[in-house]
Amino acid sequence: MTILGDRSARLGNSPARTSTTFIVATDPGTHFGDTRPAFAKHGAVVLEVADPQLMEHLLGMLAEEDPELASSIVTVSSRDLTPACLLRARKDVDRTAGVAHAVGCGELAERNDAFIAISLLAFKLNGHIEDLKTVLPDIVRNAELKASEIQRCSQIVLECWRLIASINSASAGYGIRIPHPLAKEAERIRLHLEKALPMLAHVKHFERGAAALDAVIDWIVTPDPDSGNFIDDHDLALYQDAERFMTRLAAEYGEGTEHIDRAVRDAMNQIEQRIARHAKKVEAARERDESARREAAQQRLAQQAKAPVPHAAAPVTPTSTNGSRPAAATNADEEMPIEEAEWAKRFDVGAGLVIDPAQRSVTLNGKSYTFGKRSIARFRLLFILAKHRTRWVPAKRLSQPDGPWREKDGVTPSTLNSAVSRLRACLKQLPALAKALECQSNELHGHARLQWPPESTGD
């Protein structure tokens, strides 16, 4: 019979091991009877296993292959025992070896049923152990390969998240184009994620993190053109879920790229290079626009110096649809911001139009439309225009803290024009309201208004 773990290892001379595991019979009757049991209300200690990996796989194999044998034993770690209990346990192990040898030789075949039961239990366990030892190297090797693959996939996901952040950074503050210039790169990142994420399904926050990654890529590939750089509560929650998952991956498997295979690393480097080239183009375009704005400002100053009227170079005030200046065409940027409490109250605009901020809904003569979570910017735009109804609202006013956008450089005229167009499209089932939305813009200035009640057309 083979006893696992030699005497020197069990006595603690091996620096690689701090504890061993004892296998104990659960039946109190399976004991020698003439000594005190090592563990109260249990039988004899049959084996002492020194290898924790072998012990782990042995218990798993017994549960699958021999459930009856698995239910007849319990395991106890040597580090949990008192010195006296540890001494009794090891005496039981040595005695079990002697009894098993005697039974195997026929010396105790008919003399003691308890001894025979102990011996049979030891024989069965050793048989399973010998079988397991033949495949244990392969099991360990496969476990190491799996651990390496998990670490590789974790680093791929972390690298993909960094590239997603680079895409967002490269496009930030300069409007949104459809299709997004980096849509193909975002889809290539998604392909890498689809291959790597299944290996990480066991990691905490996986489900919400994986869903958030997919949604963030969707936001890049199919952006909302009138949302600007404004991130609403829904988008913020997605980024938080993804970041929580990334933090967990970094904590469990570390950061870096050393485990990523060369082909994937090269593909990611190509994606990063395309993002960098796009970022340079965006920066160059931003510098050209800034230069154009400075030049336009200088031209206005020059015209103002030549003009006989001091205010001749002021921005052109929008005209009404019939070409004349509206009676109430004052700029709304001089108005006080809308108080937070106003955003919680139903607003009766008049002429059958009611706006409910709590529900993000608008009702016209009993017919309603509700804005979705990704249309918060459009709803806020409609609410502000309704608060300043009949008056032209400049793009500058819409960049205030209560506005739909919060860009530091202000809302561009093209963004405002696109936002009004999208708002009209949302309200197509309320055609009278959609028609009342107006926008006038040029290269430097943009204004919008809600002409409500609608002007009479004379029909």
Protein backbone atom coordinates (compact mmCIF):
# COMPACT_ATOMS: atom_id res chain seq x y z
CA MET A 1 0.00 0.00 0.00
CA THR A 2 1.17 3.53 -0.84
CA ILE A 3 1.08 6.22 1.82
CA LEU A 4 1.20 9.73 0.35
CA GLY A 5 3.76 12.12 1.78
CA ASP A 6 6.93 10.78 3.37
CA ARG A 7 7.76 11.19 7.04
CA SER A 8 10.16 14.12 6.55
CA ALA A 9 7.60 16.08 4.54
CA ARG A 10 4.87 15.44 7.08
CA LEU A 11 7.09 16.60 9.89
CA GLY A 12 7.57 19.97 8.17
CA ASN A 13 11.01 19.62 6.58
CA SER A 14 9.65 20.64 3.18
CA PRO A 15 9.68 24.46 2.80
CA ALA A 16 7.18 24.29 -0.10
CA ARG A 17 4.32 22.98 2.04
CA THR A 18 2.79 24.47 5.18
CA SER A 19 0.01 21.90 5.82
CA THR A 20 -1.34 18.52 4.76
CA THR A 21 -4.84 17.07 4.58
CA PHE A 22 -6.12 14.07 6.55
CA ILE A 23 -8.83 11.78 5.16
CA VAL A 24 -11.04 10.52 7.99
CA ALA A 25 -13.78 7.87 8.02
CA THR A 26 -17.15 9.41 8.93
CA ASP A 27 -18.51 6.22 10.57
CA PRO A 28 -17.38 6.07 14.24
CA GLY A 29 -17.55 2.28 14.00
CA THR A 30 -14.76 2.26 11.42
CA HIS A 31 -12.06 2.56 14.07
CA PHE A 32 -9.48 0.39 15.77
CA GLY A 33 -11.44 0.42 19.04
CA ASP A 34 -8.51 0.16 21.42
CA THR A 35 -7.29 3.78 21.06
CA ARG A 36 -8.82 7.22 21.42
CA PRO A 37 -10.18 8.54 18.06
CA ALA A 38 -8.25 11.44 16.60
CA PHE A 39 -11.58 13.20 15.93
CA ALA A 40 -14.62 12.80 18.15
CA LYS A 41 -17.63 11.05 16.57
CA HIS A 42 -15.55 9.97 13.58
CA GLY A 43 -13.68 6.84 12.58
CA ALA A 44 -10.02 6.18 11.88
CA VAL A 45 -7.73 8.52 9.98
CA VAL A 46 -7.03 6.61 6.78
CA LEU A 47 -4.61 8.76 4.75
CA GLU A 48 -2.57 11.93 4.89
CA VAL A 49 -2.27 13.73 1.53
CA ALA A 50 0.55 16.22 1.09
CA ASP A 51 -0.28 17.61 -2.38
CA PRO A 52 -3.16 20.14 -2.25
CA GLN A 53 -3.77 19.88 -6.01
CA LEU A 54 -4.01 16.09 -5.77
CA MET A 55 -6.41 16.41 -2.83
CA GLU A 56 -8.62 18.88 -4.67
CA HIS A 57 -8.88 16.72 -7.79
CA LEU A 58 -9.35 13.54 -5.72
CA LEU A 59 -12.43 14.96 -3.99
CA GLY A 60 -13.83 16.12 -7.32
CA MET A 61 -13.28 12.71 -8.91
CA LEU A 62 -14.85 10.86 -5.95
CA ALA A 63 -17.94 13.07 -6.08
CA GLU A 64 -18.35 12.20 -9.77
CA GLU A 65 -17.16 8.56 -9.93
CA ASP A 66 -17.84 7.11 -6.47
CA PRO A 67 -20.40 9.20 -4.52
CA GLU A 68 -20.84 6.47 -1.88
CA LEU A 69 -17.14 6.52 -1.07
CA ALA A 70 -17.14 10.34 -1.09
CA SER A 71 -19.94 10.38 1.50
CA SER A 72 -18.04 7.98 3.80
CA ILE A 73 -15.08 10.32 4.37
CA VAL A 74 -14.33 13.87 5.52
CA THR A 75 -11.15 15.93 5.17
CA VAL A 76 -9.33 17.92 7.85
CA SER A 77 -6.39 20.30 7.35
CA SER A 78 -3.43 19.70 9.64
CA ARG A 79 -3.10 23.43 10.33
CA ASP A 80 -6.45 23.36 12.15
CA LEU A 81 -5.34 20.69 14.67
CA THR A 82 -3.87 20.88 18.13
CA PRO A 83 -0.52 19.13 18.67
CA ALA A 84 -2.20 16.24 20.54
CA CYS A 85 -4.84 15.77 17.83
CA LEU A 86 -2.20 15.95 15.09
CA LEU A 87 -0.16 13.25 16.90
CA ARG A 88 -3.20 10.91 17.19
CA ALA A 89 -4.06 11.48 13.52
CA ARG A 90 -0.62 10.49 12.31
CA LYS A 91 -0.57 7.42 14.58
CA ASP A 92 -3.87 6.40 12.96
CA VAL A 93 -2.34 6.82 9.49
CA ASP A 94 0.64 4.62 10.37
CA ARG A 95 -1.60 2.00 11.98
CA THR A 96 -3.92 1.99 8.94
CA ALA A 97 -0.92 1.19 6.74
CA GLY A 98 0.01 -1.75 8.95
CA VAL A 99 -3.54 -3.09 9.18
CA ALA A 100 -4.04 -2.78 5.42
CA HIS A 101 -0.83 -4.71 4.83
CA ALA A 102 -1.92 -7.46 7.26
CA VAL A 103 -5.35 -7.76 5.66
CA GLY A 104 -3.78 -7.85 2.22
CA CYS A 105 -1.55 -10.72 3.34
CA GLY A 106 -4.50 -12.62 4.80
CA GLU A 107 -3.41 -12.30 8.41
CA LEU A 108 -6.60 -10.45 9.53
CA ALA A 109 -9.04 -11.72 6.92
CA GLU A 110 -11.51 -13.13 9.45
CA ARG A 111 -10.39 -11.67 12.78
CA ASN A 112 -11.75 -8.08 12.96
CA ASP A 113 -14.52 -6.50 10.89
CA ALA A 114 -13.48 -2.94 11.83
CA PHE A 115 -9.92 -3.56 10.67
CA ILE A 116 -11.19 -5.00 7.40
CA ALA A 117 -13.48 -1.94 6.86
CA ILE A 118 -10.57 0.41 7.49
CA SER A 119 -8.38 -1.54 5.08
CA LEU A 120 -11.02 -1.60 2.32
CA LEU A 121 -11.52 2.14 2.66
CA ALA A 122 -7.76 2.71 2.38
CA PHE A 123 -7.48 0.36 -0.63
CA LYS A 124 -10.28 2.16 -2.48
CA LEU A 125 -8.82 5.58 -1.82
CA ASN A 126 -5.36 4.52 -2.89
CA GLY A 127 -6.77 2.99 -6.06
CA HIS A 128 -8.38 6.28 -7.01
CA ILE A 129 -5.22 8.16 -6.08
CA GLU A 130 -3.03 5.94 -8.28
CA ASP A 131 -5.43 6.45 -11.20
CA LEU A 132 -5.46 10.20 -10.62
CA LYS A 133 -1.67 10.42 -10.47
CA THR A 134 -1.44 9.15 -14.04
CA VAL A 135 -3.43 12.11 -15.38
CA LEU A 136 -2.52 14.77 -12.81
CA PRO A 137 0.38 16.21 -14.87
CA ASP A 138 -2.00 16.74 -17.78
CA ILE A 139 -4.60 18.29 -15.46
CA VAL A 140 -2.01 20.68 -14.02
CA ARG A 141 -0.71 21.54 -17.48
CA ASN A 142 -4.23 22.25 -18.77
CA ALA A 143 -4.98 24.38 -15.72
CA GLU A 144 -1.83 26.41 -16.34
CA LEU A 145 -2.77 26.86 -20.01
CA LYS A 146 -6.25 27.97 -19.03
CA ALA A 147 -4.87 30.44 -16.49
CA SER A 148 -2.53 31.84 -19.13
CA GLU A 149 -5.39 32.13 -21.63
CA ILE A 150 -7.56 33.93 -19.07
CA GLN A 151 -4.75 36.39 -18.39
CA ARG A 152 -4.27 36.91 -22.15
CA CYS A 153 -7.99 37.60 -22.64
CA SER A 154 -8.02 39.96 -19.66
CA GLN A 155 -5.17 42.00 -21.14
CA ILE A 156 -6.94 42.10 -24.52
CA VAL A 157 -10.13 43.46 -22.93
CA LEU A 158 -8.19 46.08 -20.96
CA GLU A 159 -6.34 47.12 -24.12
CA CYS A 160 -9.65 47.36 -26.02
CA TRP A 161 -11.06 49.62 -23.31
CA ARG A 162 -7.99 51.86 -23.64
CA LEU A 163 -8.52 52.07 -27.40
CA ILE A 164 -12.21 52.94 -26.90
CA ALA A 165 -11.14 55.77 -24.59
CA SER A 166 -8.71 56.94 -27.29
CA ILE A 167 -11.51 57.05 -29.86
CA ASN A 168 -13.69 59.13 -27.54
CA SER A 169 -10.79 61.44 -26.75
CA ALA A 170 -9.92 61.87 -30.42
CA SER A 171 -13.47 62.99 -31.25
CA ALA A 172 -14.28 64.99 -28.12
CA GLY A 173 -15.23 68.63 -28.42
CA TYR A 174 -15.54 68.74 -32.18
CA GLY A 175 -19.07 67.67 -32.95
CA ILE A 176 -20.31 64.32 -34.22
CA ARG A 177 -20.24 62.96 -37.75
CA ILE A 178 -22.32 60.11 -39.15
CA PRO A 179 -20.91 57.67 -39.94
CA HIS A 180 -18.25 58.11 -37.30
CA PRO A 181 -14.78 58.36 -38.92
CA LEU A 182 -13.55 55.61 -36.60
CA ALA A 183 -16.59 53.33 -36.87
CA LYS A 184 -14.56 50.56 -38.55
CA GLU A 185 -11.93 50.72 -35.83
CA ALA A 186 -14.66 50.47 -33.18
CA GLU A 187 -16.09 47.38 -34.90
CA ARG A 188 -12.62 45.80 -35.05
CA ILE A 189 -12.32 46.41 -31.31
CA ARG A 190 -15.70 44.72 -30.85
CA LEU A 191 -14.43 41.64 -32.73
CA HIS A 192 -11.47 41.33 -30.34
CA LEU A 193 -13.83 41.68 -27.38
CA GLU A 194 -16.19 39.00 -28.72
CA LYS A 195 -13.30 36.53 -28.81
CA ALA A 196 -11.83 37.43 -25.41
CA LEU A 197 -14.86 38.06 -23.18
CA PRO A 198 -16.24 34.46 -23.00
CA MET A 199 -13.10 33.37 -21.10
CA LEU A 200 -13.84 35.99 -18.43
CA ALA A 201 -17.45 35.04 -17.66
CA HIS A 202 -16.45 33.99 -14.13
CA VAL A 203 -15.13 37.44 -13.20
CA LYS A 204 -17.25 39.65 -10.95
CA HIS A 205 -19.24 42.40 -12.76
CA PHE A 206 -18.88 40.46 -16.05
CA GLU A 207 -22.48 40.64 -17.29
CA ARG A 208 -22.98 44.37 -16.74
CA GLY A 209 -19.43 45.15 -17.88
CA ALA A 210 -19.74 43.18 -21.14
CA ALA A 211 -23.12 44.75 -21.91
CA ALA A 212 -21.70 48.22 -21.20
CA LEU A 213 -18.75 47.64 -23.54
CA ASP A 214 -21.08 46.67 -26.36
CA ALA A 215 -23.32 49.69 -25.72
CA VAL A 216 -20.36 52.10 -25.64
CA ILE A 217 -19.16 50.79 -29.00
CA ASP A 218 -22.70 51.18 -30.37
CA TRP A 219 -22.61 54.79 -29.17
CA ILE A 220 -19.46 55.32 -31.27
CA VAL A 221 -20.69 53.49 -34.37
CA THR A 222 -24.22 54.98 -34.34
CA PRO A 223 -23.98 58.30 -32.44
CA ASP A 224 -26.87 60.61 -31.65
CA PRO A 225 -26.02 63.72 -33.73
CA ASP A 226 -27.77 66.23 -31.48
CA SER A 227 -26.37 64.94 -28.20
CA GLY A 228 -23.08 66.79 -28.66
CA ASN A 229 -20.57 65.88 -25.92
CA PHE A 230 -23.27 65.72 -23.28
CA ILE A 231 -23.38 62.41 -21.38
CA ASP A 232 -26.73 61.74 -19.75
CA ASP A 233 -27.35 59.52 -16.72
CA HIS A 234 -27.85 56.43 -18.90
CA ASP A 235 -24.52 56.85 -20.71
CA LEU A 236 -22.74 57.64 -17.44
CA ALA A 237 -24.06 54.41 -15.90
CA LEU A 238 -22.70 52.44 -18.87
CA TYR A 239 -19.23 53.93 -18.46
CA GLN A 240 -19.32 53.22 -14.73
CA ASP A 241 -20.27 49.56 -15.31
CA ALA A 242 -17.48 49.14 -17.85
CA GLU A 243 -14.92 50.86 -15.61
CA ARG A 244 -15.93 48.70 -12.63
CA PHE A 245 -15.36 45.57 -14.72
CA MET A 246 -11.98 46.86 -15.97
CA THR A 247 -10.86 47.60 -12.42
CA ARG A 248 -11.74 44.06 -11.37
CA LEU A 249 -9.80 42.56 -14.29
CA ALA A 250 -6.73 44.65 -13.52
CA ALA A 251 -6.91 43.67 -9.84
CA GLU A 252 -7.23 39.93 -10.54
CA TYR A 253 -4.97 39.44 -13.54
CA GLY A 254 -2.80 42.54 -13.70
CA GLU A 255 -2.17 45.00 -16.50
CA GLY A 256 0.24 45.01 -19.43
CA THR A 257 0.35 43.36 -22.86
CA GLU A 258 3.03 40.68 -22.44
CA HIS A 259 0.49 37.81 -22.67
CA ILE A 260 -1.19 39.11 -25.85
CA ASP A 261 -0.05 37.14 -28.90
CA ARG A 262 1.80 38.99 -31.61
CA ALA A 263 -0.96 38.89 -34.25
CA VAL A 264 -3.52 40.50 -31.92
CA ARG A 265 -0.97 43.03 -30.68
CA ASP A 266 -0.14 44.03 -34.26
CA ALA A 267 -3.83 44.42 -35.10
CA MET A 268 -4.35 46.62 -32.05
CA ASN A 269 -1.30 48.71 -32.94
CA GLN A 270 -2.83 49.34 -36.36
CA ILE A 271 -6.08 50.45 -34.76
CA GLU A 272 -4.17 52.76 -32.44
CA GLN A 273 -2.28 54.29 -35.37
CA ARG A 274 -5.54 55.02 -37.22
CA ILE A 275 -6.97 56.64 -34.11
CA ALA A 276 -3.84 58.77 -33.74
CA ARG A 277 -4.07 59.91 -37.37
CA HIS A 278 -7.73 60.85 -36.88
CA ALA A 279 -6.85 62.76 -33.70
CA LYS A 280 -4.28 64.78 -35.64
CA LYS A 281 -6.89 65.61 -38.31
CA VAL A 282 -9.38 66.71 -35.65
CA GLU A 283 -6.77 68.87 -33.96
CA ALA A 284 -5.79 70.44 -37.29
CA ALA A 285 -9.46 71.15 -38.10
CA ARG A 286 -9.94 72.67 -34.66
CA GLU A 287 -6.93 74.94 -35.20
CA ARG A 288 -8.26 76.00 -38.63
CA ASP A 289 -11.66 76.82 -37.16
CA GLU A 290 -10.08 78.77 -34.35
CA SER A 291 -7.99 80.69 -36.85
CA ALA A 292 -11.10 81.39 -38.93
CA ARG A 293 -12.95 82.66 -35.86
CA ARG A 294 -10.07 84.97 -34.96
CA GLU A 295 -9.94 86.27 -38.52
CA ALA A 296 -13.72 86.83 -38.57
CA ALA A 297 -13.49 88.67 -35.27
CA GLN A 298 -10.75 90.91 -36.63
CA GLN A 299 -12.85 91.65 -39.71
CA ARG A 300 -15.84 92.58 -37.55
CA LEU A 301 -13.66 94.92 -35.51
CA ALA A 302 -12.36 96.51 -38.70
CA GLN A 303 -15.91 96.95 -40.05
CA GLN A 304 -17.03 98.39 -36.73
CA ALA A 305 -14.24 100.95 -36.85
CA LYS A 306 -15.30 102.04 -40.35
CA ALA A 307 -19.06 101.96 -39.80
CA PRO A 308 -20.87 105.24 -38.87
CA VAL A 309 -23.09 103.43 -36.31
CA PRO A 310 -21.29 101.90 -33.31
CA HIS A 311 -23.32 98.72 -33.29
CA ALA A 312 -23.15 98.05 -37.01
CA ALA A 313 -20.86 95.02 -36.59
CA ALA A 314 -23.09 93.25 -34.03
CA PRO A 315 -24.38 89.77 -34.93
CA VAL A 316 -27.28 89.83 -37.35
CA THR A 317 -30.59 89.47 -35.52
CA PRO A 318 -32.68 86.63 -36.95
CA THR A 319 -35.68 87.59 -39.04
CA SER A 320 -39.12 86.07 -38.99
CA THR A 321 -40.33 83.73 -41.69
CA ASN A 322 -41.81 86.61 -43.68
CA GLY A 323 -38.50 88.53 -43.68
CA SER A 324 -39.29 91.16 -41.05
CA ARG A 325 -37.83 91.40 -37.57
CA PRO A 326 -40.15 89.84 -34.94
CA ALA A 327 -41.57 92.17 -32.33
CA ALA A 328 -40.11 90.06 -29.53
CA ALA A 329 -36.77 89.18 -31.08
CA THR A 330 -34.64 89.88 -28.01
CA ASN A 331 -31.85 87.45 -27.27
CA ALA A 332 -32.67 84.95 -24.55
CA ASP A 333 -29.07 84.74 -23.34
CA GLU A 334 -29.85 87.72 -21.13
CA GLU A 335 -32.52 85.70 -19.31
CA MET A 336 -31.79 84.10 -15.96
CA PRO A 337 -31.14 80.32 -16.12
CA ILE A 338 -34.14 78.08 -15.54
CA GLU A 339 -34.26 77.10 -11.87
CA GLU A 340 -33.94 73.41 -10.99
CA ALA A 341 -37.45 73.43 -9.53
CA GLU A 342 -38.88 74.48 -12.90
CA TRP A 343 -37.64 71.23 -14.44
CA ALA A 344 -39.96 69.28 -12.16
CA LYS A 345 -43.16 71.21 -12.95
CA ARG A 346 -45.67 70.66 -15.74
CA PHE A 347 -45.51 73.65 -18.04
CA ASP A 348 -48.65 74.83 -19.80
CA VAL A 349 -47.24 76.65 -22.83
CA GLY A 350 -50.68 77.65 -24.06
CA ALA A 351 -52.83 76.92 -27.11
CA GLY A 352 -53.21 73.29 -26.03
CA LEU A 353 -49.47 72.59 -25.57
CA VAL A 354 -48.32 71.08 -22.25
CA ILE A 355 -44.78 69.88 -21.39
CA ASP A 356 -44.17 67.47 -18.48
CA PRO A 357 -40.44 67.31 -17.48
CA ALA A 358 -41.03 64.50 -14.98
CA GLN A 359 -42.26 62.19 -17.75
CA ARG A 360 -40.20 63.79 -20.53
CA SER A 361 -43.45 64.09 -22.49
CA VAL A 362 -45.17 66.77 -24.58
CA THR A 363 -48.93 66.88 -25.17
CA LEU A 364 -50.72 68.90 -27.86
CA ASN A 365 -54.51 68.92 -27.79
CA GLY A 366 -54.61 65.52 -26.09
CA LYS A 367 -52.03 63.84 -28.33
CA SER A 368 -48.74 62.99 -26.57
CA TYR A 369 -45.16 62.09 -27.38
CA THR A 370 -42.60 60.81 -24.82
CA PHE A 371 -38.84 61.27 -25.29
CA GLY A 372 -36.61 58.23 -24.60
CA LYS A 373 -33.51 58.09 -22.42
CA ARG A 374 -31.21 58.82 -25.35
CA SER A 375 -33.30 61.86 -26.34
CA ILE A 376 -32.85 63.86 -23.14
CA ALA A 377 -30.89 66.59 -24.96
CA ARG A 378 -33.74 67.03 -27.47
CA PHE A 379 -36.31 67.30 -24.71
CA ARG A 380 -34.25 69.88 -22.81
CA LEU A 381 -33.88 71.89 -26.03
CA LEU A 382 -37.67 71.90 -26.54
CA PHE A 383 -38.28 72.88 -22.91
CA ILE A 384 -35.90 75.86 -23.08
CA LEU A 385 -37.33 77.06 -26.39
CA ALA A 386 -40.82 76.77 -24.89
CA LYS A 387 -39.78 78.81 -21.87
CA HIS A 388 -38.57 81.53 -24.25
CA ARG A 389 -41.34 80.98 -26.80
CA THR A 390 -41.56 83.49 -29.68
CA ARG A 391 -38.04 84.74 -28.87
CA TRP A 392 -34.84 83.74 -30.65
CA VAL A 393 -32.50 81.73 -28.40
CA PRO A 394 -28.80 81.91 -29.39
CA ALA A 395 -26.52 78.91 -29.28
CA LYS A 396 -24.62 80.56 -26.41
CA ARG A 397 -27.71 80.37 -24.19
CA LEU A 398 -27.95 76.60 -24.78
CA SER A 399 -24.46 76.07 -23.33
CA GLN A 400 -25.46 77.33 -19.88
CA PRO A 401 -25.62 74.82 -16.99
CA ASP A 402 -29.37 74.29 -17.46
CA GLY A 403 -29.05 73.76 -21.22
CA PRO A 404 -29.03 70.52 -23.21
CA TRP A 405 -25.28 70.85 -23.86
CA ARG A 406 -22.40 71.72 -21.56
CA GLU A 407 -19.50 72.18 -23.95
CA LYS A 408 -16.86 74.64 -22.81
CA ASP A 409 -16.50 76.16 -26.26
CA GLY A 410 -20.24 76.54 -26.74
CA VAL A 411 -22.69 74.95 -29.13
CA THR A 412 -21.72 75.35 -32.77
CA PRO A 413 -24.30 76.64 -35.27
CA SER A 414 -24.16 73.35 -37.17
CA THR A 415 -24.85 71.38 -33.97
CA LEU A 416 -27.84 73.60 -33.20
CA ASN A 417 -29.20 73.29 -36.72
CA SER A 418 -28.86 69.49 -36.60
CA ALA A 419 -30.48 69.36 -33.15
CA VAL A 420 -33.54 71.33 -34.30
CA SER A 421 -33.89 69.09 -37.36
CA ARG A 422 -33.77 65.97 -35.19
CA LEU A 423 -36.27 67.49 -32.78
CA ARG A 424 -38.66 68.16 -35.64
CA ALA A 425 -38.27 64.52 -36.74
CA CYS A 426 -39.12 63.32 -33.23
CA LEU A 427 -42.28 65.44 -33.20
CA LYS A 428 -43.55 64.41 -36.63
CA GLN A 429 -46.72 62.99 -35.05
CA LEU A 430 -47.36 66.52 -33.70
CA PRO A 431 -46.91 68.41 -37.01
CA ALA A 432 -48.12 71.77 -35.72
CA LEU A 433 -45.47 71.74 -32.99
CA ALA A 434 -42.74 70.51 -35.34
CA LYS A 435 -43.57 73.29 -37.80
CA ALA A 436 -43.33 75.91 -35.03
CA LEU A 437 -39.64 75.08 -34.45
CA GLU A 438 -37.37 77.46 -36.33
CA CYS A 439 -33.60 77.76 -36.69
CA GLN A 440 -31.37 80.29 -38.43
CA SER A 441 -27.60 79.94 -38.52
CA ASN A 442 -24.48 80.91 -40.40
CA GLU A 443 -20.79 80.11 -39.96
CA LEU A 444 -20.51 82.11 -36.73
CA HIS A 445 -23.94 82.38 -35.14
CA GLY A 446 -26.98 80.20 -34.62
CA HIS A 447 -30.42 80.98 -33.22
CA ALA A 448 -33.51 78.85 -32.61
CA ARG A 449 -37.02 79.53 -31.35
CA LEU A 450 -40.43 77.99 -30.80
CA GLN A 451 -43.01 80.25 -32.46
CA TRP A 452 -45.96 79.42 -30.20
CA PRO A 453 -48.81 79.94 -30.65
CA PRO A 454 -48.07 79.47 -34.36
CA GLU A 455 -48.28 82.56 -36.53
CA SER A 456 -51.46 82.75 -38.55
CA THR A 457 -50.95 81.83 -42.18
CA GLY A 458 -54.19 83.44 -43.31
CA ASP A 459 -55.66 80.15 -44.57
